[in-house]
Amino acid sequence: MIIQFNQIEEQQIQGFKGGNGELDTRNYVDANNKIMMSCLKPGANIGYHSHDMNSEIIMVLSGEGYFKYDDVTERVKAGDVHYCPKGHSHAFYNDGTEDLAYFAIVAEHHE
């Protein structure tokens, strides 16, 4: 199966997960996964949230920023991969001057 993000309608979301600023995203969603190609605008953030029934993998494609992961701050740049396993929490911040583009997969854990 091929997912062509350029054929998925882009959504502009303000204050995603209780954060601030704009997130532009194209998402493929089924019962097991959410697969996203997204862009966090300069100064924007995704609010702190928990992954109680899923995990998330985020690869930074361009730009730079940081994660609040549980009680740790982790800087990221293009090429870095952030992993938030089930049972952990995180927030994502673009503190740079350019768009922060990333690819993310949220995998549901059915139990």
PDB file of N, CA and C in Angstrom:
ATOM      1  N   MET A   1       0.848  -1.183   0.000  1.00  0.00           N
ATOM      2  CA  MET A   1       0.000   0.000   0.000  1.00  0.00           C
ATOM      3  C   MET A   1       0.890   1.240   0.000  1.00  0.00           C
ATOM      4  N   ILE A   2       0.600   2.166  -0.867  1.00  0.00           N
ATOM      5  CA  ILE A   2       1.336   3.420  -0.957  1.00  0.00           C
ATOM      6  C   ILE A   2       0.440   4.541  -0.428  1.00  0.00           C
ATOM      7  N   ILE A   3       0.991   5.371   0.439  1.00  0.00           N
ATOM      8  CA  ILE A   3       0.272   6.551   0.926  1.00  0.00           C
ATOM      9  C   ILE A   3       0.875   7.757   0.228  1.00  0.00           C
ATOM     10  N   GLN A   4       0.064   8.462  -0.522  1.00  0.00           N
ATOM     11  CA  GLN A   4       0.525   9.650  -1.228  1.00  0.00           C
ATOM     12  C   GLN A   4      -0.014  10.883  -0.500  1.00  0.00           C
ATOM     13  N   PHE A   5       0.844  11.455   0.341  1.00  0.00           N
ATOM     14  CA  PHE A   5       0.409  12.581   1.171  1.00  0.00           C
ATOM     15  C   PHE A   5      -0.038  13.780   0.345  1.00  0.00           C
ATOM     16  N   ASN A   6       0.529  13.956  -0.846  1.00  0.00           N
ATOM     17  CA  ASN A   6       0.136  15.094  -1.678  1.00  0.00           C
ATOM     18  C   ASN A   6      -1.303  14.960  -2.188  1.00  0.00           C
ATOM     19  N   GLN A   7      -1.908  13.774  -2.027  1.00  0.00           N
ATOM     20  CA  GLN A   7      -3.293  13.573  -2.420  1.00  0.00           C
ATOM     21  C   GLN A   7      -4.251  13.604  -1.227  1.00  0.00           C
ATOM     22  N   ILE A   8      -3.714  13.835  -0.037  1.00  0.00           N
ATOM     23  CA  ILE A   8      -4.543  13.949   1.177  1.00  0.00           C
ATOM     24  C   ILE A   8      -4.700  15.422   1.497  1.00  0.00           C
ATOM     25  N   GLU A   9      -5.915  15.836   1.780  1.00  0.00           N
ATOM     26  CA  GLU A   9      -6.175  17.247   2.080  1.00  0.00           C
ATOM     27  C   GLU A   9      -5.411  17.688   3.329  1.00  0.00           C
ATOM     28  N   GLU A  10      -4.740  18.817   3.206  1.00  0.00           N
ATOM     29  CA  GLU A  10      -4.000  19.365   4.341  1.00  0.00           C
ATOM     30  C   GLU A  10      -4.957  20.070   5.295  1.00  0.00           C
ATOM     31  N   GLN A  11      -4.738  19.851   6.576  1.00  0.00           N
ATOM     32  CA  GLN A  11      -5.511  20.526   7.623  1.00  0.00           C
ATOM     33  C   GLN A  11      -4.600  21.503   8.343  1.00  0.00           C
ATOM     34  N   GLN A  12      -5.121  22.674   8.678  1.00  0.00           N
ATOM     35  CA  GLN A  12      -4.407  23.634   9.517  1.00  0.00           C
ATOM     36  C   GLN A  12      -5.085  23.588  10.886  1.00  0.00           C
ATOM     37  N   ILE A  13      -4.313  23.241  11.903  1.00  0.00           N
ATOM     38  CA  ILE A  13      -4.854  23.084  13.255  1.00  0.00           C
ATOM     39  C   ILE A  13      -4.183  24.107  14.156  1.00  0.00           C
ATOM     40  N   GLN A  14      -4.974  24.871  14.869  1.00  0.00           N
ATOM     41  CA  GLN A  14      -4.466  25.834  15.851  1.00  0.00           C
ATOM     42  C   GLN A  14      -4.471  25.180  17.234  1.00  0.00           C
ATOM     43  N   GLY A  15      -3.366  25.280  17.953  1.00  0.00           N
ATOM     44  CA  GLY A  15      -3.307  24.791  19.339  1.00  0.00           C
ATOM     45  C   GLY A  15      -3.491  23.299  19.478  1.00  0.00           C
ATOM     46  N   PHE A  16      -2.811  22.504  18.648  1.00  0.00           N
ATOM     47  CA  PHE A  16      -2.954  21.043  18.689  1.00  0.00           C
ATOM     48  C   PHE A  16      -2.565  20.487  20.056  1.00  0.00           C
ATOM     49  N   LYS A  17      -3.409  19.639  20.591  1.00  0.00           N
ATOM     50  CA  LYS A  17      -3.210  18.998  21.907  1.00  0.00           C
ATOM     51  C   LYS A  17      -3.016  20.031  23.019  1.00  0.00           C
ATOM     52  N   GLY A  18      -3.638  21.202  22.868  1.00  0.00           N
ATOM     53  CA  GLY A  18      -3.512  22.240  23.888  1.00  0.00           C
ATOM     54  C   GLY A  18      -2.284  23.113  23.744  1.00  0.00           C
ATOM     55  N   GLY A  19      -1.575  22.969  22.644  1.00  0.00           N
ATOM     56  CA  GLY A  19      -0.385  23.781  22.404  1.00  0.00           C
ATOM     57  C   GLY A  19      -0.754  25.146  21.850  1.00  0.00           C
ATOM     58  N   ASN A  20       0.224  25.804  21.246  1.00  0.00           N
ATOM     59  CA  ASN A  20       0.048  27.142  20.673  1.00  0.00           C
ATOM     60  C   ASN A  20       0.504  27.154  19.234  1.00  0.00           C
ATOM     61  N   GLY A  21      -0.093  28.041  18.447  1.00  0.00           N
ATOM     62  CA  GLY A  21       0.342  28.231  17.072  1.00  0.00           C
ATOM     63  C   GLY A  21      -0.246  27.211  16.124  1.00  0.00           C
ATOM     64  N   GLU A  22       0.314  27.202  14.897  1.00  0.00           N
ATOM     65  CA  GLU A  22      -0.273  26.428  13.796  1.00  0.00           C
ATOM     66  C   GLU A  22       0.509  25.170  13.468  1.00  0.00           C
ATOM     67  N   LEU A  23      -0.254  24.098  13.272  1.00  0.00           N
ATOM     68  CA  LEU A  23       0.259  22.824  12.773  1.00  0.00           C
ATOM     69  C   LEU A  23      -0.454  22.543  11.455  1.00  0.00           C
ATOM     70  N   ASP A  24       0.302  22.335  10.382  1.00  0.00           N
ATOM     71  CA  ASP A  24      -0.249  21.914   9.099  1.00  0.00           C
ATOM     72  C   ASP A  24       0.029  20.428   8.962  1.00  0.00           C
ATOM     73  N   THR A  25      -1.007  19.638   8.635  1.00  0.00           N
ATOM     74  CA  THR A  25      -0.817  18.196   8.637  1.00  0.00           C
ATOM     75  C   THR A  25      -1.664  17.504   7.575  1.00  0.00           C
ATOM     76  N   ARG A  26      -1.116  16.413   7.063  1.00  0.00           N
ATOM     77  CA  ARG A  26      -1.822  15.493   6.165  1.00  0.00           C
ATOM     78  C   ARG A  26      -1.733  14.129   6.839  1.00  0.00           C
ATOM     79  N   ASN A  27      -2.895  13.500   7.080  1.00  0.00           N
ATOM     80  CA  ASN A  27      -2.936  12.287   7.895  1.00  0.00           C
ATOM     81  C   ASN A  27      -3.625  11.130   7.184  1.00  0.00           C
ATOM     82  N   TYR A  28      -3.038   9.958   7.326  1.00  0.00           N
ATOM     83  CA  TYR A  28      -3.696   8.708   6.948  1.00  0.00           C
ATOM     84  C   TYR A  28      -4.015   7.997   8.255  1.00  0.00           C
ATOM     85  N   VAL A  29      -5.270   7.587   8.433  1.00  0.00           N
ATOM     86  CA  VAL A  29      -5.694   6.976   9.699  1.00  0.00           C
ATOM     87  C   VAL A  29      -6.485   5.704   9.413  1.00  0.00           C
ATOM     88  N   ASP A  30      -6.131   4.630  10.121  1.00  0.00           N
ATOM     89  CA  ASP A  30      -6.964   3.426  10.128  1.00  0.00           C
ATOM     90  C   ASP A  30      -7.092   2.943  11.573  1.00  0.00           C
ATOM     91  N   ALA A  31      -7.607   1.754  11.793  1.00  0.00           N
ATOM     92  CA  ALA A  31      -7.861   1.261  13.151  1.00  0.00           C
ATOM     93  C   ALA A  31      -6.585   1.000  13.941  1.00  0.00           C
ATOM     94  N   ASN A  32      -5.448   0.850  13.263  1.00  0.00           N
ATOM     95  CA  ASN A  32      -4.205   0.481  13.937  1.00  0.00           C
ATOM     96  C   ASN A  32      -3.152   1.569  13.984  1.00  0.00           C
ATOM     97  N   ASN A  33      -3.192   2.509  13.045  1.00  0.00           N
ATOM     98  CA  ASN A  33      -2.131   3.509  12.945  1.00  0.00           C
ATOM     99  C   ASN A  33      -2.656   4.857  12.487  1.00  0.00           C
ATOM    100  N   LYS A  34      -1.937   5.875  12.882  1.00  0.00           N
ATOM    101  CA  LYS A  34      -2.119   7.211  12.337  1.00  0.00           C
ATOM    102  C   LYS A  34      -0.757   7.579  11.769  1.00  0.00           C
ATOM    103  N   ILE A  35      -0.720   7.877  10.473  1.00  0.00           N
ATOM    104  CA  ILE A  35       0.529   8.169   9.783  1.00  0.00           C
ATOM    105  C   ILE A  35       0.430   9.606   9.288  1.00  0.00           C
ATOM    106  N   MET A  36       1.385  10.456   9.694  1.00  0.00           N
ATOM    107  CA  MET A  36       1.244  11.892   9.480  1.00  0.00           C
ATOM    108  C   MET A  36       2.480  12.502   8.845  1.00  0.00           C
ATOM    109  N   MET A  37       2.249  13.403   7.910  1.00  0.00           N
ATOM    110  CA  MET A  37       3.281  14.265   7.360  1.00  0.00           C
ATOM    111  C   MET A  37       2.856  15.665   7.779  1.00  0.00           C
ATOM    112  N   SER A  38       3.659  16.305   8.623  1.00  0.00           N
ATOM    113  CA  SER A  38       3.212  17.533   9.272  1.00  0.00           C
ATOM    114  C   SER A  38       4.293  18.600   9.291  1.00  0.00           C
ATOM    115  N   CYS A  39       3.845  19.822   9.579  1.00  0.00           N
ATOM    116  CA  CYS A  39       4.738  20.967   9.661  1.00  0.00           C
ATOM    117  C   CYS A  39       4.298  21.846  10.830  1.00  0.00           C
ATOM    118  N   LEU A  40       5.203  22.022  11.774  1.00  0.00           N
ATOM    119  CA  LEU A  40       4.963  22.873  12.934  1.00  0.00           C
ATOM    120  C   LEU A  40       5.598  24.231  12.635  1.00  0.00           C
ATOM    121  N   LYS A  41       4.783  25.267  12.633  1.00  0.00           N
ATOM    122  CA  LYS A  41       5.235  26.608  12.260  1.00  0.00           C
ATOM    123  C   LYS A  41       6.164  27.196  13.335  1.00  0.00           C
ATOM    124  N   PRO A  42       7.037  28.149  12.980  1.00  0.00           N
ATOM    125  CA  PRO A  42       7.940  28.769  13.964  1.00  0.00           C
ATOM    126  C   PRO A  42       7.167  29.336  15.154  1.00  0.00           C
ATOM    127  N   GLY A  43       7.659  29.039  16.346  1.00  0.00           N
ATOM    128  CA  GLY A  43       7.023  29.506  17.578  1.00  0.00           C
ATOM    129  C   GLY A  43       5.860  28.662  18.043  1.00  0.00           C
ATOM    130  N   ALA A  44       5.457  27.662  17.276  1.00  0.00           N
ATOM    131  CA  ALA A  44       4.317  26.813  17.633  1.00  0.00           C
ATOM    132  C   ALA A  44       4.773  25.604  18.444  1.00  0.00           C
ATOM    133  N   ASN A  45       3.828  25.001  19.147  1.00  0.00           N
ATOM    134  CA  ASN A  45       4.112  23.764  19.858  1.00  0.00           C
ATOM    135  C   ASN A  45       2.887  22.872  19.901  1.00  0.00           C
ATOM    136  N   ILE A  46       3.149  21.581  20.055  1.00  0.00           N
ATOM    137  CA  ILE A  46       2.111  20.586  20.309  1.00  0.00           C
ATOM    138  C   ILE A  46       2.099  20.384  21.813  1.00  0.00           C
ATOM    139  N   GLY A  47       0.935  20.522  22.435  1.00  0.00           N
ATOM    140  CA  GLY A  47       0.827  20.472  23.888  1.00  0.00           C
ATOM    141  C   GLY A  47       1.252  19.135  24.493  1.00  0.00           C
ATOM    142  N   TYR A  48       1.601  19.182  25.758  1.00  0.00           N
ATOM    143  CA  TYR A  48       2.036  18.002  26.508  1.00  0.00           C
ATOM    144  C   TYR A  48       0.866  17.024  26.615  1.00  0.00           C
ATOM    145  N   HIS A  49       1.096  15.786  26.213  1.00  0.00           N
ATOM    146  CA  HIS A  49       0.043  14.773  26.240  1.00  0.00           C
ATOM    147  C   HIS A  49       0.649  13.389  26.474  1.00  0.00           C
ATOM    148  N   SER A  50      -0.192  12.468  26.949  1.00  0.00           N
ATOM    149  CA  SER A  50       0.233  11.104  27.274  1.00  0.00           C
ATOM    150  C   SER A  50      -0.146  10.137  26.173  1.00  0.00           C
ATOM    151  N   HIS A  51       0.665   9.106  26.041  1.00  0.00           N
ATOM    152  CA  HIS A  51       0.377   8.005  25.115  1.00  0.00           C
ATOM    153  C   HIS A  51       0.032   6.772  25.957  1.00  0.00           C
ATOM    154  N   ASP A  52      -1.227   6.717  26.377  1.00  0.00           N
ATOM    155  CA  ASP A  52      -1.672   5.647  27.267  1.00  0.00           C
ATOM    156  C   ASP A  52      -1.983   4.338  26.534  1.00  0.00           C
ATOM    157  N   MET A  53      -2.472   4.446  25.287  1.00  0.00           N
ATOM    158  CA  MET A  53      -2.855   3.249  24.537  1.00  0.00           C
ATOM    159  C   MET A  53      -2.136   3.135  23.193  1.00  0.00           C
ATOM    160  N   ASN A  54      -1.104   3.954  23.004  1.00  0.00           N
ATOM    161  CA  ASN A  54      -0.356   3.916  21.750  1.00  0.00           C
ATOM    162  C   ASN A  54       1.059   4.412  21.985  1.00  0.00           C
ATOM    163  N   SER A  55       1.865   4.348  20.941  1.00  0.00           N
ATOM    164  CA  SER A  55       3.223   4.893  20.977  1.00  0.00           C
ATOM    165  C   SER A  55       3.404   5.755  19.731  1.00  0.00           C
ATOM    166  N   GLU A  56       4.423   6.634  19.754  1.00  0.00           N
ATOM    167  CA  GLU A  56       4.634   7.524  18.619  1.00  0.00           C
ATOM    168  C   GLU A  56       6.114   7.594  18.258  1.00  0.00           C
ATOM    169  N   ILE A  57       6.375   7.563  16.962  1.00  0.00           N
ATOM    170  CA  ILE A  57       7.714   7.723  16.407  1.00  0.00           C
ATOM    171  C   ILE A  57       7.675   8.940  15.499  1.00  0.00           C
ATOM    172  N   ILE A  58       8.600   9.876  15.704  1.00  0.00           N
ATOM    173  CA  ILE A  58       8.639  11.115  14.925  1.00  0.00           C
ATOM    174  C   ILE A  58      10.037  11.289  14.340  1.00  0.00           C
ATOM    175  N   MET A  59      10.109  11.427  13.010  1.00  0.00           N
ATOM    176  CA  MET A  59      11.373  11.734  12.352  1.00  0.00           C
ATOM    177  C   MET A  59      11.319  13.174  11.873  1.00  0.00           C
ATOM    178  N   VAL A  60      12.296  13.974  12.314  1.00  0.00           N
ATOM    179  CA  VAL A  60      12.380  15.373  11.908  1.00  0.00           C
ATOM    180  C   VAL A  60      12.997  15.432  10.511  1.00  0.00           C
ATOM    181  N   LEU A  61      12.275  16.050   9.573  1.00  0.00           N
ATOM    182  CA  LEU A  61      12.732  16.147   8.191  1.00  0.00           C
ATOM    183  C   LEU A  61      13.488  17.439   7.920  1.00  0.00           C
ATOM    184  N   SER A  62      13.035  18.535   8.544  1.00  0.00           N
ATOM    185  CA  SER A  62      13.729  19.815   8.391  1.00  0.00           C
ATOM    186  C   SER A  62      13.372  20.702   9.572  1.00  0.00           C
ATOM    187  N   GLY A  63      14.235  21.672   9.829  1.00  0.00           N
ATOM    188  CA  GLY A  63      14.022  22.565  10.964  1.00  0.00           C
ATOM    189  C   GLY A  63      14.655  22.019  12.229  1.00  0.00           C
ATOM    190  N   GLU A  64      14.350  22.694  13.333  1.00  0.00           N
ATOM    191  CA  GLU A  64      14.878  22.265  14.630  1.00  0.00           C
ATOM    192  C   GLU A  64      13.923  22.687  15.730  1.00  0.00           C
ATOM    193  N   GLY A  65      14.043  22.019  16.858  1.00  0.00           N
ATOM    194  CA  GLY A  65      13.186  22.318  18.004  1.00  0.00           C
ATOM    195  C   GLY A  65      13.553  21.433  19.168  1.00  0.00           C
ATOM    196  N   TYR A  66      12.558  21.160  19.998  1.00  0.00           N
ATOM    197  CA  TYR A  66      12.826  20.285  21.137  1.00  0.00           C
ATOM    198  C   TYR A  66      11.552  19.604  21.607  1.00  0.00           C
ATOM    199  N   PHE A  67      11.752  18.494  22.323  1.00  0.00           N
ATOM    200  CA  PHE A  67      10.682  17.757  22.976  1.00  0.00           C
ATOM    201  C   PHE A  67      10.819  17.906  24.478  1.00  0.00           C
ATOM    202  N   LYS A  68       9.714  17.997  25.167  1.00  0.00           N
ATOM    203  CA  LYS A  68       9.641  17.732  26.600  1.00  0.00           C
ATOM    204  C   LYS A  68       9.163  16.291  26.655  1.00  0.00           C
ATOM    205  N   TYR A  69      10.019  15.393  27.079  1.00  0.00           N
ATOM    206  CA  TYR A  69       9.708  13.970  27.127  1.00  0.00           C
ATOM    207  C   TYR A  69       9.770  13.535  28.578  1.00  0.00           C
ATOM    208  N   ASP A  70       8.615  13.236  29.166  1.00  0.00           N
ATOM    209  CA  ASP A  70       8.507  12.991  30.595  1.00  0.00           C
ATOM    210  C   ASP A  70       9.143  14.191  31.313  1.00  0.00           C
ATOM    211  N   ASP A  71      10.248  14.011  32.014  1.00  0.00           N
ATOM    212  CA  ASP A  71      10.882  15.122  32.733  1.00  0.00           C
ATOM    213  C   ASP A  71      12.165  15.604  32.063  1.00  0.00           C
ATOM    214  N   VAL A  72      12.366  15.257  30.798  1.00  0.00           N
ATOM    215  CA  VAL A  72      13.610  15.558  30.096  1.00  0.00           C
ATOM    216  C   VAL A  72      13.326  16.471  28.901  1.00  0.00           C
ATOM    217  N   THR A  73      14.257  17.394  28.618  1.00  0.00           N
ATOM    218  CA  THR A  73      14.186  18.204  27.408  1.00  0.00           C
ATOM    219  C   THR A  73      15.201  17.653  26.422  1.00  0.00           C
ATOM    220  N   GLU A  74      14.746  17.353  25.191  1.00  0.00           N
ATOM    221  CA  GLU A  74      15.595  16.764  24.167  1.00  0.00           C
ATOM    222  C   GLU A  74      15.570  17.636  22.910  1.00  0.00           C
ATOM    223  N   ARG A  75      16.706  18.166  22.500  1.00  0.00           N
ATOM    224  CA  ARG A  75      16.814  18.960  21.269  1.00  0.00           C
ATOM    225  C   ARG A  75      16.792  18.022  20.066  1.00  0.00           C
ATOM    226  N   VAL A  76      16.140  18.470  18.980  1.00  0.00           N
ATOM    227  CA  VAL A  76      16.095  17.693  17.745  1.00  0.00           C
ATOM    228  C   VAL A  76      16.344  18.593  16.547  1.00  0.00           C
ATOM    229  N   LYS A  77      16.853  17.973  15.490  1.00  0.00           N
ATOM    230  CA  LYS A  77      17.109  18.656  14.217  1.00  0.00           C
ATOM    231  C   LYS A  77      16.848  17.644  13.107  1.00  0.00           C
ATOM    232  N   ALA A  78      16.936  18.097  11.869  1.00  0.00           N
ATOM    233  CA  ALA A  78      16.696  17.222  10.728  1.00  0.00           C
ATOM    234  C   ALA A  78      17.528  15.942  10.830  1.00  0.00           C
ATOM    235  N   GLY A  79      16.871  14.817  10.630  1.00  0.00           N
ATOM    236  CA  GLY A  79      17.527  13.515  10.704  1.00  0.00           C
ATOM    237  C   GLY A  79      17.355  12.803  12.020  1.00  0.00           C
ATOM    238  N   ASP A  80      16.971  13.535  13.074  1.00  0.00           N
ATOM    239  CA  ASP A  80      16.768  12.910  14.388  1.00  0.00           C
ATOM    240  C   ASP A  80      15.402  12.222  14.450  1.00  0.00           C
ATOM    241  N   VAL A  81      15.335  11.162  15.265  1.00  0.00           N
ATOM    242  CA  VAL A  81      14.086  10.441  15.492  1.00  0.00           C
ATOM    243  C   VAL A  81      13.781  10.451  16.986  1.00  0.00           C
ATOM    244  N   HIS A  82      12.565  10.855  17.313  1.00  0.00           N
ATOM    245  CA  HIS A  82      12.087  10.854  18.703  1.00  0.00           C
ATOM    246  C   HIS A  82      11.092   9.709  18.851  1.00  0.00           C
ATOM    247  N   TYR A  83      11.202   8.967  19.951  1.00  0.00           N
ATOM    248  CA  TYR A  83      10.293   7.854  20.236  1.00  0.00           C
ATOM    249  C   TYR A  83       9.618   8.100  21.578  1.00  0.00           C
ATOM    250  N   CYS A  84       8.286   8.043  21.592  1.00  0.00           N
ATOM    251  CA  CYS A  84       7.512   8.153  22.831  1.00  0.00           C
ATOM    252  C   CYS A  84       6.738   6.847  23.007  1.00  0.00           C
ATOM    253  N   PRO A  85       7.260   5.925  23.831  1.00  0.00           N
ATOM    254  CA  PRO A  85       6.600   4.634  24.018  1.00  0.00           C
ATOM    255  C   PRO A  85       5.282   4.766  24.786  1.00  0.00           C
ATOM    256  N   LYS A  86       4.486   3.727  24.678  1.00  0.00           N
ATOM    257  CA  LYS A  86       3.251   3.634  25.456  1.00  0.00           C
ATOM    258  C   LYS A  86       3.577   3.868  26.935  1.00  0.00           C
ATOM    259  N   GLY A  87       2.725   4.665  27.592  1.00  0.00           N
ATOM    260  CA  GLY A  87       2.913   4.941  29.013  1.00  0.00           C
ATOM    261  C   GLY A  87       3.751   6.174  29.299  1.00  0.00           C
ATOM    262  N   HIS A  88       4.205   6.866  28.260  1.00  0.00           N
ATOM    263  CA  HIS A  88       5.019   8.064  28.431  1.00  0.00           C
ATOM    264  C   HIS A  88       4.308   9.282  27.855  1.00  0.00           C
ATOM    265  N   SER A  89       4.863  10.464  28.115  1.00  0.00           N
ATOM    266  CA  SER A  89       4.244  11.720  27.687  1.00  0.00           C
ATOM    267  C   SER A  89       5.277  12.609  27.018  1.00  0.00           C
ATOM    268  N   HIS A  90       4.769  13.512  26.159  1.00  0.00           N
ATOM    269  CA  HIS A  90       5.680  14.450  25.498  1.00  0.00           C
ATOM    270  C   HIS A  90       4.932  15.662  24.960  1.00  0.00           C
ATOM    271  N   ALA A  91       5.709  16.692  24.641  1.00  0.00           N
ATOM    272  CA  ALA A  91       5.252  17.884  23.924  1.00  0.00           C
ATOM    273  C   ALA A  91       6.355  18.203  22.919  1.00  0.00           C
ATOM    274  N   PHE A  92       5.994  18.914  21.836  1.00  0.00           N
ATOM    275  CA  PHE A  92       6.929  19.172  20.743  1.00  0.00           C
ATOM    276  C   PHE A  92       6.909  20.666  20.437  1.00  0.00           C
ATOM    277  N   TYR A  93       8.091  21.295  20.401  1.00  0.00           N
ATOM    278  CA  TYR A  93       8.218  22.743  20.239  1.00  0.00           C
ATOM    279  C   TYR A  93       9.099  23.099  19.046  1.00  0.00           C
ATOM    280  N   ASN A  94       8.637  24.046  18.238  1.00  0.00           N
ATOM    281  CA  ASN A  94       9.471  24.629  17.195  1.00  0.00           C
ATOM    282  C   ASN A  94       9.935  25.980  17.706  1.00  0.00           C
ATOM    283  N   ASP A  95      11.152  26.049  18.206  1.00  0.00           N
ATOM    284  CA  ASP A  95      11.700  27.313  18.701  1.00  0.00           C
ATOM    285  C   ASP A  95      12.659  27.922  17.678  1.00  0.00           C
ATOM    286  N   GLY A  96      12.637  27.381  16.452  1.00  0.00           N
ATOM    287  CA  GLY A  96      13.482  27.904  15.390  1.00  0.00           C
ATOM    288  C   GLY A  96      12.774  28.987  14.587  1.00  0.00           C
ATOM    289  N   THR A  97      13.428  29.436  13.535  1.00  0.00           N
ATOM    290  CA  THR A  97      12.876  30.496  12.687  1.00  0.00           C
ATOM    291  C   THR A  97      12.290  29.947  11.391  1.00  0.00           C
ATOM    292  N   GLU A  98      12.399  28.643  11.184  1.00  0.00           N
ATOM    293  CA  GLU A  98      11.880  27.995   9.980  1.00  0.00           C
ATOM    294  C   GLU A  98      10.820  26.964  10.358  1.00  0.00           C
ATOM    295  N   ASP A  99      10.026  26.560   9.364  1.00  0.00           N
ATOM    296  CA  ASP A  99       9.071  25.478   9.587  1.00  0.00           C
ATOM    297  C   ASP A  99       9.814  24.229  10.049  1.00  0.00           C
ATOM    298  N   LEU A 100       9.185  23.463  10.924  1.00  0.00           N
ATOM    299  CA  LEU A 100       9.736  22.197  11.394  1.00  0.00           C
ATOM    300  C   LEU A 100       8.876  21.094  10.775  1.00  0.00           C
ATOM    301  N   ALA A 101       9.393  20.446   9.737  1.00  0.00           N
ATOM    302  CA  ALA A 101       8.657  19.385   9.051  1.00  0.00           C
ATOM    303  C   ALA A 101       9.032  18.041   9.659  1.00  0.00           C
ATOM    304  N   TYR A 102       8.019  17.183   9.803  1.00  0.00           N
ATOM    305  CA  TYR A 102       8.281  15.868  10.379  1.00  0.00           C
ATOM    306  C   TYR A 102       7.301  14.826   9.856  1.00  0.00           C
ATOM    307  N   PHE A 103       7.723  13.576   9.957  1.00  0.00           N
ATOM    308  CA  PHE A 103       6.922  12.403   9.618  1.00  0.00           C
ATOM    309  C   PHE A 103       6.696  11.647  10.912  1.00  0.00           C
ATOM    310  N   ALA A 104       5.444  11.275  11.198  1.00  0.00           N
ATOM    311  CA  ALA A 104       5.149  10.607  12.465  1.00  0.00           C
ATOM    312  C   ALA A 104       4.218   9.420  12.258  1.00  0.00           C
ATOM    313  N   ILE A 105       4.407   8.411  13.106  1.00  0.00           N
ATOM    314  CA  ILE A 105       3.523   7.252  13.142  1.00  0.00           C
ATOM    315  C   ILE A 105       3.087   7.043  14.585  1.00  0.00           C
ATOM    316  N   VAL A 106       1.775   7.003  14.790  1.00  0.00           N
ATOM    317  CA  VAL A 106       1.202   6.650  16.086  1.00  0.00           C
ATOM    318  C   VAL A 106       0.600   5.261  15.922  1.00  0.00           C
ATOM    319  N   ALA A 107       1.163   4.298  16.621  1.00  0.00           N
ATOM    320  CA  ALA A 107       0.704   2.895  16.538  1.00  0.00           C
ATOM    321  C   ALA A 107      -0.146   2.569  17.756  1.00  0.00           C
ATOM    322  N   GLU A 108      -1.362   2.101  17.500  1.00  0.00           N
ATOM    323  CA  GLU A 108      -2.264   1.706  18.580  1.00  0.00           C
ATOM    324  C   GLU A 108      -1.844   0.361  19.147  1.00  0.00           C
ATOM    325  N   HIS A 109      -1.958   0.213  20.463  1.00  0.00           N
ATOM    326  CA  HIS A 109      -1.656  -1.061  21.140  1.00  0.00           C
ATOM    327  C   HIS A 109      -2.977  -1.653  21.605  1.00  0.00           C
ATOM    328  N   HIS A 110      -3.467  -2.636  20.871  1.00  0.00           N
ATOM    329  CA  HIS A 110      -4.741  -3.275  21.222  1.00  0.00           C
ATOM    330  C   HIS A 110      -4.481  -4.356  22.257  1.00  0.00           C
ATOM    331  N   GLU A 111      -5.155  -4.219  23.395  1.00  0.00           N
ATOM    332  CA  GLU A 111      -4.951  -5.218  24.465  1.00  0.00           C
ATOM    333  C   GLU A 111      -6.266  -5.719  24.968  1.00  0.00           C
TER     334      GLU A 111
END
